Amino acid sequence: MIRIMEGAFGTSPKTIVGFGDDISVVKLCPDRLAVLKTDMLVGSTDVPPGMTMRQAARKAVVANVSDLAAKGVRPFAGLVALGLPSNLTKRDVQGIASGLRGAAKEYQFPIVGGDTNESKDLSISIALFAIASRRQLVLRSGARVGDVVAVTGEFGAASAGLKALLKERLRPDSLAPALSRAVYSPRAELKLGLALAASASLTASIDSSDGLAWSLHELSRASKIGIEITHVPVSKTARDFAARYHYNANDLALFGGEEYHLVVTVKPKKFTLARRAARGRLRPIGVVTSRSQGVRLMELGGYSEIPMKGWEHFKR
């Protein structure tokens, strides 16, 4: 679908970054770029059981801010377009407004306008605008052989929480606090993204909302390099859930998605600087290699290929 749209629209002389990254960039003047981001939340595929309208609206903002965080850019202003089913109550709409207002305040930008319409399914579409310099922006395509592959968190809790709700039929109020936070209250790592970009230590960056494996493959494809990881950074919450309900913990972390950590490549000589900028929250998991594009995991018996799988919208 994206390829069809890309073919239809082409590029403009002002386009710096178009289709194929998390954001779009157009030139305003020689050293000033307009950074544009839009993402849509749909009720039937993006709102899990038990999520309130306030939480859903906040999640829509988080998803957009997270992509700007990966680029090292702070949102300047936002627009929101709402598709609202006729059966929503006044309280539901107030919840959406509260979630949008709270998230905009959390990430320090104003929502300055938008549109509303009636629709069969809930739709919350956010568009963000930011301004950046050329040297500030961190894209997917800059990774180089020898770079350190690193992440800003551990993975799998959101995937475990969704499986608890959808497959294990657990009630939202029975979820462990860590699972509940991962599903209902995700956070965009904007401060970390800004600090890492300011350190000038990154060569490429992406957020992990589509899953760790998918994000690594996107870096590999965009930068035309291979990636080898030495271990999968699985959270204790995901490990405990996997052991109790007989899931593969690595699979939860690699393919689950719906988490908003940053996946970055770092200049080897600047890794200490990057970790300091991230206040210790940057952990190495692998290295960029000269092999053909792809991602593989180093294990005792050798290497195993990690497939390009990621978050798939759940079905009701």
Protein backbone atom coordinates (compact mmCIF):
# COMPACT_ATOMS: atom_id res chain seq x y z
CA MET A 1 0.00 0.00 0.00
CA ILE A 2 2.80 2.43 0.90
CA ARG A 3 4.57 1.63 -2.37
CA ILE A 4 1.38 2.48 -4.30
CA MET A 5 1.08 5.82 -2.53
CA GLU A 6 4.76 6.58 -3.02
CA GLY A 7 4.46 5.85 -6.72
CA ALA A 8 1.41 8.09 -7.02
CA PHE A 9 2.87 11.11 -5.24
CA GLY A 10 6.54 10.98 -6.21
CA THR A 11 8.86 13.56 -4.64
CA SER A 12 9.19 17.32 -4.58
CA PRO A 13 12.39 19.36 -4.94
CA LYS A 14 11.76 20.48 -1.35
CA THR A 15 11.58 16.91 -0.05
CA ILE A 16 14.50 15.86 2.15
CA VAL A 17 12.88 12.72 3.58
CA GLY A 18 9.74 11.24 2.08
CA PHE A 19 8.23 7.77 2.20
CA GLY A 20 10.34 5.11 3.89
CA ASP A 21 11.22 6.67 7.24
CA ASP A 22 9.17 7.42 10.36
CA ILE A 23 8.76 11.06 9.40
CA SER A 24 8.69 13.33 6.38
CA VAL A 25 10.98 16.33 5.98
CA VAL A 26 10.80 19.33 3.65
CA LYS A 27 13.21 22.23 3.36
CA LEU A 28 12.09 25.61 4.69
CA CYS A 29 15.41 27.43 4.19
CA PRO A 30 19.08 26.32 3.91
CA ASP A 31 19.43 25.14 7.52
CA ARG A 32 15.82 24.87 8.65
CA LEU A 33 13.68 21.81 8.00
CA ALA A 34 9.98 21.20 8.58
CA VAL A 35 9.53 17.76 10.14
CA LEU A 36 6.06 16.26 9.67
CA LYS A 37 4.54 13.21 11.29
CA THR A 38 1.08 11.65 11.20
CA ASP A 39 -0.27 8.43 12.62
CA MET A 40 -3.76 7.06 13.16
CA LEU A 41 -5.30 5.05 15.99
CA VAL A 42 -8.31 2.88 15.03
CA GLY A 43 -10.62 1.50 17.68
CA SER A 44 -11.05 -2.05 16.39
CA THR A 45 -7.34 -2.69 15.84
CA ASP A 46 -5.47 -0.41 18.24
CA VAL A 47 -7.60 -0.20 21.39
CA PRO A 48 -7.32 -3.32 23.58
CA PRO A 49 -10.06 -4.48 25.96
CA GLY A 50 -10.30 -2.32 29.05
CA MET A 51 -8.62 0.77 27.58
CA THR A 52 -10.50 3.98 28.32
CA MET A 53 -11.15 6.72 25.79
CA ARG A 54 -8.68 8.92 27.67
CA GLN A 55 -5.99 6.24 27.45
CA ALA A 56 -6.72 5.63 23.76
CA ALA A 57 -6.36 9.33 22.93
CA ARG A 58 -3.12 9.56 24.89
CA LYS A 59 -1.77 6.47 23.10
CA ALA A 60 -2.49 8.12 19.73
CA VAL A 61 -0.30 11.06 20.74
CA VAL A 62 2.44 8.82 22.17
CA ALA A 63 2.72 6.89 18.90
CA ASN A 64 3.38 10.11 16.99
CA VAL A 65 5.73 11.68 19.53
CA SER A 66 7.76 8.46 19.68
CA ASP A 67 8.66 8.71 16.01
CA LEU A 68 9.82 12.29 16.50
CA ALA A 69 11.81 11.17 19.55
CA ALA A 70 13.66 8.67 17.37
CA LYS A 71 14.66 11.49 15.05
CA GLY A 72 15.84 13.71 17.92
CA VAL A 73 13.14 16.32 17.32
CA ARG A 74 10.69 17.99 19.70
CA PRO A 75 7.09 18.52 18.45
CA PHE A 76 6.21 22.18 17.92
CA ALA A 77 2.44 21.91 17.34
CA GLY A 78 -0.20 19.32 16.51
CA LEU A 79 -3.52 18.77 14.77
CA VAL A 80 -6.10 16.09 15.52
CA ALA A 81 -8.81 14.61 13.30
CA LEU A 82 -11.48 12.51 15.00
CA GLY A 83 -13.82 9.92 13.53
CA LEU A 84 -16.43 9.33 16.23
CA PRO A 85 -19.07 6.54 16.22
CA SER A 86 -22.61 7.74 16.92
CA ASN A 87 -22.87 5.57 20.04
CA LEU A 88 -20.13 7.42 21.92
CA THR A 89 -21.38 9.30 24.96
CA LYS A 90 -20.56 12.83 26.04
CA ARG A 91 -18.38 11.28 28.74
CA ASP A 92 -16.47 9.30 26.05
CA VAL A 93 -15.77 12.47 24.07
CA GLN A 94 -14.69 14.28 27.23
CA GLY A 95 -12.32 11.39 27.90
CA ILE A 96 -10.80 11.75 24.42
CA ALA A 97 -10.37 15.48 24.92
CA SER A 98 -8.77 14.90 28.33
CA GLY A 99 -6.36 12.31 26.92
CA LEU A 100 -5.30 14.58 24.07
CA ARG A 101 -4.87 17.60 26.35
CA GLY A 102 -2.89 15.62 28.94
CA ALA A 103 -0.55 14.06 26.37
CA ALA A 104 0.09 17.39 24.65
CA LYS A 105 0.96 18.91 28.04
CA GLU A 106 3.17 15.91 28.89
CA TYR A 107 5.23 16.36 25.72
CA GLN A 108 5.05 20.17 25.77
CA PHE A 109 3.31 21.15 22.54
CA PRO A 110 -0.07 22.73 21.75
CA ILE A 111 -2.86 21.12 19.76
CA VAL A 112 -3.94 24.01 17.57
CA GLY A 113 -6.86 22.62 15.58
CA GLY A 114 -8.29 19.72 13.63
CA ASP A 115 -11.51 18.16 12.39
CA THR A 116 -14.31 15.86 13.56
CA ASN A 117 -16.68 13.59 11.71
CA GLU A 118 -19.00 10.67 12.33
CA SER A 119 -17.60 7.24 11.50
CA LYS A 120 -18.42 3.59 12.06
CA ASP A 121 -15.20 2.98 14.01
CA LEU A 122 -13.28 5.20 16.39
CA SER A 123 -10.44 7.00 14.63
CA ILE A 124 -7.94 9.38 16.22
CA SER A 125 -5.50 10.80 13.71
CA ILE A 126 -2.67 13.01 14.95
CA ALA A 127 -0.44 15.20 12.80
CA LEU A 128 2.63 16.81 14.37
CA PHE A 129 4.85 19.59 13.08
CA ALA A 130 8.41 20.26 14.21
CA ILE A 131 11.38 22.35 13.12
CA ALA A 132 14.92 20.96 13.00
CA SER A 133 18.37 21.64 11.59
CA ARG A 134 20.02 19.25 9.15
CA ARG A 135 22.71 18.23 11.63
CA GLN A 136 20.15 17.54 14.36
CA LEU A 137 18.09 14.96 12.48
CA VAL A 138 18.82 11.23 12.98
CA LEU A 139 17.38 8.99 10.24
CA ARG A 140 17.20 5.22 9.72
CA SER A 141 19.79 5.26 6.99
CA GLY A 142 23.07 6.27 8.62
CA ALA A 143 24.30 3.06 10.28
CA ARG A 144 27.87 2.05 9.44
CA VAL A 145 29.89 -1.14 9.84
CA GLY A 146 31.26 -1.43 13.37
CA ASP A 147 28.56 0.73 14.98
CA VAL A 148 27.13 -0.48 18.28
CA VAL A 149 23.46 -1.51 18.15
CA ALA A 150 21.70 -0.40 21.33
CA VAL A 151 18.25 0.03 22.87
CA THR A 152 16.80 2.26 25.57
CA GLY A 153 14.78 -0.41 27.38
CA GLU A 154 13.73 -4.03 27.73
CA PHE A 155 11.01 -5.62 25.66
CA GLY A 156 8.05 -7.96 25.83
CA ALA A 157 5.82 -6.53 28.57
CA ALA A 158 3.29 -4.97 26.18
CA SER A 159 3.10 -8.15 24.12
CA ALA A 160 2.65 -10.21 27.29
CA GLY A 161 -0.09 -7.88 28.50
CA LEU A 162 -1.99 -8.09 25.20
CA LYS A 163 -1.75 -11.88 25.19
CA ALA A 164 -3.01 -11.94 28.77
CA LEU A 165 -6.08 -9.98 27.68
CA LEU A 166 -6.77 -11.57 24.30
CA LYS A 167 -5.52 -15.17 24.58
CA GLU A 168 -5.52 -15.94 28.29
CA ARG A 169 -8.80 -14.07 28.81
CA LEU A 170 -7.55 -12.30 31.90
CA ARG A 171 -9.53 -9.27 33.11
CA PRO A 172 -7.84 -5.88 32.82
CA ASP A 173 -8.11 -5.34 36.58
CA SER A 174 -6.30 -8.64 37.22
CA LEU A 175 -3.18 -7.71 35.25
CA ALA A 176 0.07 -7.24 37.12
CA PRO A 177 0.92 -3.51 37.44
CA ALA A 178 3.84 -3.78 35.00
CA LEU A 179 1.65 -5.45 32.35
CA SER A 180 -1.11 -2.89 32.88
CA ARG A 181 1.30 0.04 32.49
CA ALA A 182 2.79 -1.44 29.31
CA VAL A 183 -0.62 -1.88 27.67
CA TYR A 184 -2.56 1.14 28.90
CA SER A 185 0.08 3.77 29.67
CA PRO A 186 2.94 3.61 27.14
CA ARG A 187 5.50 6.42 27.11
CA ALA A 188 7.40 8.05 24.28
CA GLU A 189 11.06 8.48 25.16
CA LEU A 190 11.28 12.07 23.95
CA LYS A 191 13.82 13.33 26.49
CA LEU A 192 16.11 10.40 25.73
CA GLY A 193 15.79 10.92 21.99
CA LEU A 194 16.59 14.62 22.27
CA ALA A 195 19.58 13.97 24.55
CA LEU A 196 21.00 11.25 22.31
CA ALA A 197 20.64 13.40 19.19
CA ALA A 198 22.31 16.33 20.94
CA SER A 199 25.27 14.10 21.86
CA ALA A 200 26.06 13.64 18.13
CA SER A 201 26.85 9.99 18.85
CA LEU A 202 24.07 8.27 16.87
CA THR A 203 24.26 7.20 13.24
CA ALA A 204 20.71 5.82 12.88
CA SER A 205 17.57 5.59 14.99
CA ILE A 206 14.03 4.18 14.95
CA ASP A 207 11.34 3.64 17.55
CA SER A 208 10.27 0.10 18.42
CA SER A 209 6.48 0.41 18.17
CA ASP A 210 6.32 -2.22 15.39
CA GLY A 211 8.51 -4.64 17.35
CA LEU A 212 12.22 -5.00 18.03
CA ALA A 213 12.84 -7.45 15.18
CA TRP A 214 10.94 -5.30 12.67
CA SER A 215 12.81 -2.18 13.79
CA LEU A 216 16.20 -3.87 13.45
CA HIS A 217 15.29 -5.04 9.95
CA GLU A 218 14.19 -1.53 8.99
CA LEU A 219 17.56 -0.15 10.11
CA SER A 220 19.30 -2.91 8.16
CA ARG A 221 17.29 -2.21 5.01
CA ALA A 222 17.55 1.57 5.14
CA SER A 223 21.29 1.58 5.90
CA LYS A 224 22.08 -1.39 3.63
CA ILE A 225 23.99 -3.23 6.36
CA GLY A 226 23.70 -6.40 8.43
CA ILE A 227 22.99 -6.55 12.15
CA GLU A 228 24.15 -9.19 14.62
CA ILE A 229 22.74 -9.16 18.12
CA THR A 230 24.30 -11.01 21.04
CA HIS A 231 21.17 -11.25 23.19
CA VAL A 232 17.51 -10.30 23.26
CA PRO A 233 16.72 -7.69 25.95
CA VAL A 234 13.66 -9.32 27.54
CA SER A 235 12.01 -7.65 30.53
CA LYS A 236 11.56 -9.62 33.77
CA THR A 237 7.81 -9.08 33.46
CA ALA A 238 7.78 -10.77 30.05
CA ARG A 239 9.99 -13.62 31.28
CA ASP A 240 7.73 -14.29 34.25
CA PHE A 241 4.63 -14.23 32.04
CA ALA A 242 6.24 -16.53 29.46
CA ALA A 243 7.21 -19.06 32.13
CA ARG A 244 3.74 -19.07 33.67
CA TYR A 245 1.72 -19.31 30.45
CA HIS A 246 4.21 -21.27 28.31
CA TYR A 247 5.22 -18.62 25.78
CA ASN A 248 8.66 -18.06 24.26
CA ALA A 249 10.11 -15.03 26.06
CA ASN A 250 12.38 -14.07 23.14
CA ASP A 251 9.40 -14.11 20.78
CA LEU A 252 7.44 -11.79 23.07
CA ALA A 253 10.35 -9.33 23.04
CA LEU A 254 11.28 -9.60 19.36
CA PHE A 255 7.90 -9.68 17.65
CA GLY A 256 5.37 -8.16 20.05
CA GLY A 257 5.56 -4.45 19.32
CA GLU A 258 3.42 -1.76 20.99
CA GLU A 259 6.45 -0.57 22.98
CA TYR A 260 8.09 2.76 22.41
CA HIS A 261 11.77 2.29 23.18
CA LEU A 262 14.44 3.63 20.83
CA VAL A 263 16.59 1.30 18.73
CA VAL A 264 19.78 3.06 17.68
CA THR A 265 23.22 2.57 16.17
CA VAL A 266 26.08 4.40 17.87
CA LYS A 267 29.56 5.39 16.78
CA PRO A 268 31.85 2.95 18.69
CA LYS A 269 34.14 5.67 20.05
CA LYS A 270 31.15 7.65 21.29
CA PHE A 271 29.21 4.91 23.05
CA THR A 272 30.28 6.06 26.52
CA LEU A 273 29.18 9.59 25.62
CA ALA A 274 25.83 8.28 24.35
CA ARG A 275 25.23 6.22 27.48
CA ARG A 276 26.02 9.24 29.62
CA ALA A 277 23.58 11.35 27.59
CA ALA A 278 20.93 8.66 28.14
CA ARG A 279 21.69 8.63 31.88
CA GLY A 280 22.67 4.98 31.80
CA ARG A 281 19.52 3.80 30.04
CA LEU A 282 21.28 2.83 26.81
CA ARG A 283 22.24 -0.86 26.60
CA PRO A 284 24.26 -2.50 23.81
CA ILE A 285 22.73 -5.58 22.18
CA GLY A 286 24.84 -6.09 19.06
CA VAL A 287 26.89 -4.68 16.23
CA VAL A 288 26.51 -3.50 12.63
CA THR A 289 28.26 -5.82 10.16
CA SER A 290 29.25 -5.77 6.50
CA ARG A 291 27.24 -8.90 5.65
CA SER A 292 24.27 -8.59 3.36
CA GLN A 293 21.15 -7.02 4.82
CA GLY A 294 19.38 -8.95 7.55
CA VAL A 295 19.36 -9.56 11.29
CA ARG A 296 20.70 -12.58 13.12
CA LEU A 297 21.16 -13.66 16.72
CA MET A 298 24.47 -15.01 17.99
CA GLU A 299 23.89 -18.23 19.95
CA LEU A 300 26.08 -20.98 21.38
CA GLY A 301 25.65 -23.11 18.28
CA GLY A 302 26.29 -20.27 15.86
CA TYR A 303 23.88 -17.78 14.32
CA SER A 304 20.14 -17.94 13.75
CA GLU A 305 18.29 -15.63 11.39
CA ILE A 306 15.66 -13.39 12.96
CA PRO A 307 12.67 -13.05 10.61
CA MET A 308 11.16 -9.70 9.74
CA LYS A 309 8.03 -10.04 11.81
CA GLY A 310 6.46 -7.46 14.05
CA TRP A 311 3.29 -6.05 15.52
CA GLU A 312 0.10 -7.22 13.85
CA HIS A 313 -3.13 -5.47 14.69
CA PHE A 314 -5.15 -7.75 16.94
CA LYS A 315 -8.45 -9.11 15.76
CA ARG A 316 -11.52 -9.02 17.93
